[in-house]
Amino acid sequence: MFALARLMVVGFLALSVIYLCLSLYSRAVRKDKLREAWYKGPQDVPLEHFLEEGLEDYDKSLRRKLILAVYVIPVILVSVIIYLTNFS
């Protein structure tokens, strides 16, 4: 039982680091694309406001929510492996 608790804590910490890295990377890529679109576009609004609006839209997007799969998929895989190992 202690081994499972240790696996869960270490796994959660590792997945949190992976999630944080993916989230920051994805946000940086989105910000670069928005900046590029602003430079190519008509530039009616200030850059900071354009980036702020674009990143607010990004925060509500499906891509942001899909990054949460970093937590879900490994937990499901480990659960299936544990089940198959013990009960098959």
N, C-alpha and C. Protein backbone atom coordinates (compact mmCIF):
# COMPACT_ATOMS: atom_id res chain seq x y z
N MET A 1 0.82 -1.19 0.00
CA MET A 1 0.00 0.00 0.00
C MET A 1 0.87 1.26 0.00
N PHE A 2 1.97 1.22 0.74
CA PHE A 2 2.87 2.36 0.77
C PHE A 2 3.50 2.60 -0.60
N ALA A 3 3.79 1.53 -1.32
CA ALA A 3 4.39 1.67 -2.65
C ALA A 3 3.42 2.36 -3.60
N LEU A 4 2.14 2.05 -3.51
CA LEU A 4 1.15 2.69 -4.37
C LEU A 4 1.04 4.18 -4.04
N ALA A 5 1.04 4.52 -2.76
CA ALA A 5 0.98 5.93 -2.36
C ALA A 5 2.21 6.69 -2.86
N ARG A 6 3.37 6.07 -2.74
CA ARG A 6 4.60 6.71 -3.22
C ARG A 6 4.55 6.89 -4.73
N LEU A 7 4.06 5.87 -5.45
CA LEU A 7 3.91 5.96 -6.91
C LEU A 7 2.97 7.10 -7.28
N MET A 8 1.88 7.24 -6.54
CA MET A 8 0.91 8.29 -6.84
C MET A 8 1.50 9.68 -6.59
N VAL A 9 2.23 9.85 -5.51
CA VAL A 9 2.81 11.16 -5.20
C VAL A 9 3.89 11.52 -6.22
N VAL A 10 4.79 10.61 -6.49
CA VAL A 10 5.86 10.87 -7.45
C VAL A 10 5.27 11.07 -8.85
N GLY A 11 4.30 10.26 -9.20
CA GLY A 11 3.65 10.40 -10.50
C GLY A 11 2.96 11.74 -10.64
N PHE A 12 2.25 12.16 -9.60
CA PHE A 12 1.57 13.45 -9.64
C PHE A 12 2.57 14.59 -9.80
N LEU A 13 3.67 14.53 -9.09
CA LEU A 13 4.69 15.57 -9.21
C LEU A 13 5.30 15.59 -10.61
N ALA A 14 5.60 14.42 -11.14
CA ALA A 14 6.18 14.35 -12.49
C ALA A 14 5.19 14.85 -13.53
N LEU A 15 3.93 14.44 -13.41
CA LEU A 15 2.92 14.89 -14.36
C LEU A 15 2.66 16.39 -14.23
N SER A 16 2.79 16.92 -13.03
CA SER A 16 2.61 18.36 -12.84
C SER A 16 3.71 19.14 -13.53
N VAL A 17 4.93 18.65 -13.46
CA VAL A 17 6.05 19.31 -14.15
C VAL A 17 5.83 19.25 -15.66
N ILE A 18 5.42 18.09 -16.17
CA ILE A 18 5.16 17.94 -17.60
C ILE A 18 4.03 18.86 -18.04
N TYR A 19 2.96 18.92 -17.24
CA TYR A 19 1.83 19.78 -17.56
C TYR A 19 2.26 21.25 -17.59
N LEU A 20 3.02 21.66 -16.61
CA LEU A 20 3.48 23.05 -16.55
C LEU A 20 4.33 23.39 -17.77
N CYS A 21 5.24 22.51 -18.13
CA CYS A 21 6.09 22.76 -19.29
C CYS A 21 5.27 22.83 -20.58
N LEU A 22 4.35 21.89 -20.77
CA LEU A 22 3.50 21.90 -21.97
C LEU A 22 2.63 23.14 -22.02
N SER A 23 2.09 23.51 -20.89
CA SER A 23 1.21 24.67 -20.83
C SER A 23 1.97 25.95 -21.17
N LEU A 24 3.13 26.13 -20.59
CA LEU A 24 3.93 27.32 -20.87
C LEU A 24 4.41 27.35 -22.32
N TYR A 25 4.79 26.20 -22.85
CA TYR A 25 5.23 26.12 -24.24
C TYR A 25 4.09 26.47 -25.19
N SER A 26 2.92 25.88 -24.95
CA SER A 26 1.78 26.12 -25.81
C SER A 26 1.36 27.58 -25.77
N ARG A 27 1.38 28.17 -24.59
CA ARG A 27 1.03 29.58 -24.45
C ARG A 27 2.05 30.48 -25.17
N ALA A 28 3.32 30.13 -25.10
CA ALA A 28 4.35 30.91 -25.79
C ALA A 28 4.19 30.81 -27.31
N VAL A 29 3.86 29.63 -27.80
CA VAL A 29 3.64 29.46 -29.24
C VAL A 29 2.45 30.30 -29.68
N ARG A 30 1.37 30.27 -28.89
CA ARG A 30 0.18 31.06 -29.23
C ARG A 30 0.52 32.55 -29.22
N LYS A 31 1.28 32.98 -28.26
CA LYS A 31 1.66 34.39 -28.16
C LYS A 31 2.51 34.81 -29.36
N ASP A 32 3.42 33.96 -29.79
CA ASP A 32 4.23 34.27 -30.97
C ASP A 32 3.37 34.37 -32.23
N LYS A 33 2.38 33.47 -32.36
CA LYS A 33 1.49 33.52 -33.52
C LYS A 33 0.63 34.79 -33.50
N LEU A 34 0.19 35.17 -32.32
CA LEU A 34 -0.60 36.40 -32.21
C LEU A 34 0.26 37.62 -32.55
N ARG A 35 1.48 37.64 -32.07
CA ARG A 35 2.38 38.75 -32.36
C ARG A 35 2.65 38.84 -33.87
N GLU A 36 2.84 37.68 -34.49
CA GLU A 36 3.07 37.63 -35.93
C GLU A 36 1.84 38.13 -36.68
N ALA A 37 0.64 37.73 -36.24
CA ALA A 37 -0.59 38.18 -36.88
C ALA A 37 -0.78 39.68 -36.72
N TRP A 38 -0.38 40.22 -35.59
CA TRP A 38 -0.51 41.66 -35.36
C TRP A 38 0.41 42.45 -36.30
N TYR A 39 1.64 41.96 -36.47
CA TYR A 39 2.57 42.65 -37.36
C TYR A 39 2.13 42.59 -38.81
N LYS A 40 1.49 41.50 -39.22
CA LYS A 40 1.01 41.35 -40.61
C LYS A 40 -0.32 42.06 -40.83
N GLY A 41 -1.07 42.29 -39.77
CA GLY A 41 -2.41 42.87 -39.87
C GLY A 41 -2.41 44.39 -39.88
N PRO A 42 -3.61 44.95 -39.71
CA PRO A 42 -3.75 46.41 -39.79
C PRO A 42 -3.25 47.18 -38.58
N GLN A 43 -3.00 46.55 -37.48
CA GLN A 43 -2.47 47.17 -36.25
C GLN A 43 -3.36 48.30 -35.74
N ASP A 44 -4.67 48.03 -35.67
CA ASP A 44 -5.63 49.02 -35.18
C ASP A 44 -5.56 49.19 -33.67
N VAL A 45 -5.20 48.13 -32.96
CA VAL A 45 -5.15 48.18 -31.50
C VAL A 45 -3.69 48.02 -31.06
N PRO A 46 -3.37 48.47 -29.86
CA PRO A 46 -1.99 48.28 -29.37
C PRO A 46 -1.65 46.79 -29.24
N LEU A 47 -0.39 46.49 -29.36
CA LEU A 47 0.07 45.10 -29.32
C LEU A 47 -0.30 44.42 -28.01
N GLU A 48 -0.11 45.10 -26.89
CA GLU A 48 -0.39 44.50 -25.58
C GLU A 48 -1.87 44.11 -25.46
N HIS A 49 -2.75 44.98 -25.93
CA HIS A 49 -4.19 44.70 -25.87
C HIS A 49 -4.56 43.54 -26.80
N PHE A 50 -3.96 43.52 -27.98
CA PHE A 50 -4.20 42.44 -28.94
C PHE A 50 -3.75 41.10 -28.36
N LEU A 51 -2.57 41.07 -27.74
CA LEU A 51 -2.08 39.84 -27.13
C LEU A 51 -2.96 39.41 -25.96
N GLU A 52 -3.39 40.37 -25.15
CA GLU A 52 -4.24 40.06 -24.00
C GLU A 52 -5.56 39.43 -24.44
N GLU A 53 -6.19 40.00 -25.47
CA GLU A 53 -7.45 39.44 -25.98
C GLU A 53 -7.24 38.05 -26.57
N GLY A 54 -6.16 37.91 -27.32
CA GLY A 54 -5.88 36.61 -27.94
C GLY A 54 -5.59 35.53 -26.92
N LEU A 55 -4.87 35.88 -25.87
CA LEU A 55 -4.56 34.88 -24.84
C LEU A 55 -5.79 34.57 -23.99
N GLU A 56 -6.71 35.52 -23.83
CA GLU A 56 -7.97 35.22 -23.15
C GLU A 56 -8.78 34.21 -23.95
N ASP A 57 -8.80 34.38 -25.27
CA ASP A 57 -9.47 33.39 -26.12
C ASP A 57 -8.78 32.04 -26.03
N TYR A 58 -7.46 32.06 -25.96
CA TYR A 58 -6.70 30.81 -25.84
C TYR A 58 -7.03 30.09 -24.54
N ASP A 59 -7.19 30.85 -23.46
CA ASP A 59 -7.50 30.24 -22.16
C ASP A 59 -8.84 29.51 -22.19
N LYS A 60 -9.74 29.92 -23.05
CA LYS A 60 -11.06 29.28 -23.17
C LYS A 60 -11.08 28.19 -24.25
N SER A 61 -9.98 27.98 -24.92
CA SER A 61 -9.97 27.08 -26.08
C SER A 61 -9.89 25.61 -25.67
N LEU A 62 -10.20 24.77 -26.64
CA LEU A 62 -10.14 23.32 -26.43
C LEU A 62 -8.71 22.84 -26.25
N ARG A 63 -7.79 23.45 -26.93
CA ARG A 63 -6.38 23.04 -26.84
C ARG A 63 -5.87 23.12 -25.40
N ARG A 64 -6.24 24.17 -24.73
CA ARG A 64 -5.83 24.35 -23.33
C ARG A 64 -6.39 23.22 -22.46
N LYS A 65 -7.62 22.84 -22.72
CA LYS A 65 -8.24 21.77 -21.94
C LYS A 65 -7.65 20.40 -22.29
N LEU A 66 -7.23 20.23 -23.53
CA LEU A 66 -6.65 18.95 -23.93
C LEU A 66 -5.31 18.70 -23.26
N ILE A 67 -4.63 19.75 -22.87
CA ILE A 67 -3.35 19.57 -22.19
C ILE A 67 -3.57 18.87 -20.84
N LEU A 68 -4.77 19.00 -20.27
CA LEU A 68 -5.08 18.31 -19.02
C LEU A 68 -5.06 16.78 -19.18
N ALA A 69 -5.09 16.31 -20.43
CA ALA A 69 -5.00 14.87 -20.68
C ALA A 69 -3.66 14.31 -20.19
N VAL A 70 -2.70 15.19 -19.91
CA VAL A 70 -1.42 14.76 -19.35
C VAL A 70 -1.66 14.04 -18.02
N TYR A 71 -2.67 14.45 -17.28
CA TYR A 71 -2.99 13.79 -16.02
C TYR A 71 -3.83 12.54 -16.24
N VAL A 72 -4.74 12.57 -17.17
CA VAL A 72 -5.73 11.50 -17.33
C VAL A 72 -5.15 10.25 -17.98
N ILE A 73 -4.45 10.40 -19.08
CA ILE A 73 -3.97 9.25 -19.85
C ILE A 73 -2.99 8.38 -19.05
N PRO A 74 -1.97 8.92 -18.41
CA PRO A 74 -1.07 8.05 -17.63
C PRO A 74 -1.78 7.33 -16.48
N VAL A 75 -2.71 8.00 -15.83
CA VAL A 75 -3.44 7.34 -14.73
C VAL A 75 -4.24 6.16 -15.26
N ILE A 76 -4.89 6.34 -16.39
CA ILE A 76 -5.65 5.24 -16.99
C ILE A 76 -4.73 4.10 -17.39
N LEU A 77 -3.59 4.42 -18.01
CA LEU A 77 -2.65 3.37 -18.42
C LEU A 77 -2.09 2.60 -17.23
N VAL A 78 -1.71 3.30 -16.18
CA VAL A 78 -1.18 2.62 -15.00
C VAL A 78 -2.27 1.76 -14.35
N SER A 79 -3.48 2.26 -14.32
CA SER A 79 -4.58 1.49 -13.74
C SER A 79 -4.84 0.22 -14.54
N VAL A 80 -4.82 0.32 -15.84
CA VAL A 80 -5.03 -0.87 -16.69
C VAL A 80 -3.89 -1.86 -16.51
N ILE A 81 -2.66 -1.38 -16.45
CA ILE A 81 -1.51 -2.28 -16.25
C ILE A 81 -1.61 -2.98 -14.89
N ILE A 82 -1.95 -2.24 -13.85
CA ILE A 82 -2.09 -2.85 -12.52
C ILE A 82 -3.20 -3.88 -12.53
N TYR A 83 -4.32 -3.55 -13.15
CA TYR A 83 -5.44 -4.50 -13.22
C TYR A 83 -5.05 -5.76 -13.97
N LEU A 84 -4.43 -5.60 -15.14
CA LEU A 84 -4.05 -6.76 -15.94
C LEU A 84 -3.00 -7.60 -15.25
N THR A 85 -2.09 -6.97 -14.55
CA THR A 85 -1.05 -7.70 -13.84
C THR A 85 -1.63 -8.52 -12.68
N ASN A 86 -2.55 -7.94 -11.95
CA ASN A 86 -3.08 -8.61 -10.77
C ASN A 86 -4.25 -9.54 -11.02
N PHE A 87 -5.06 -9.25 -12.01
CA PHE A 87 -6.30 -10.00 -12.16
C PHE A 87 -6.42 -10.78 -13.45
N SER A 88 -5.38 -10.89 -14.23
CA SER A 88 -5.45 -11.69 -15.45
C SER A 88 -4.67 -12.97 -15.34
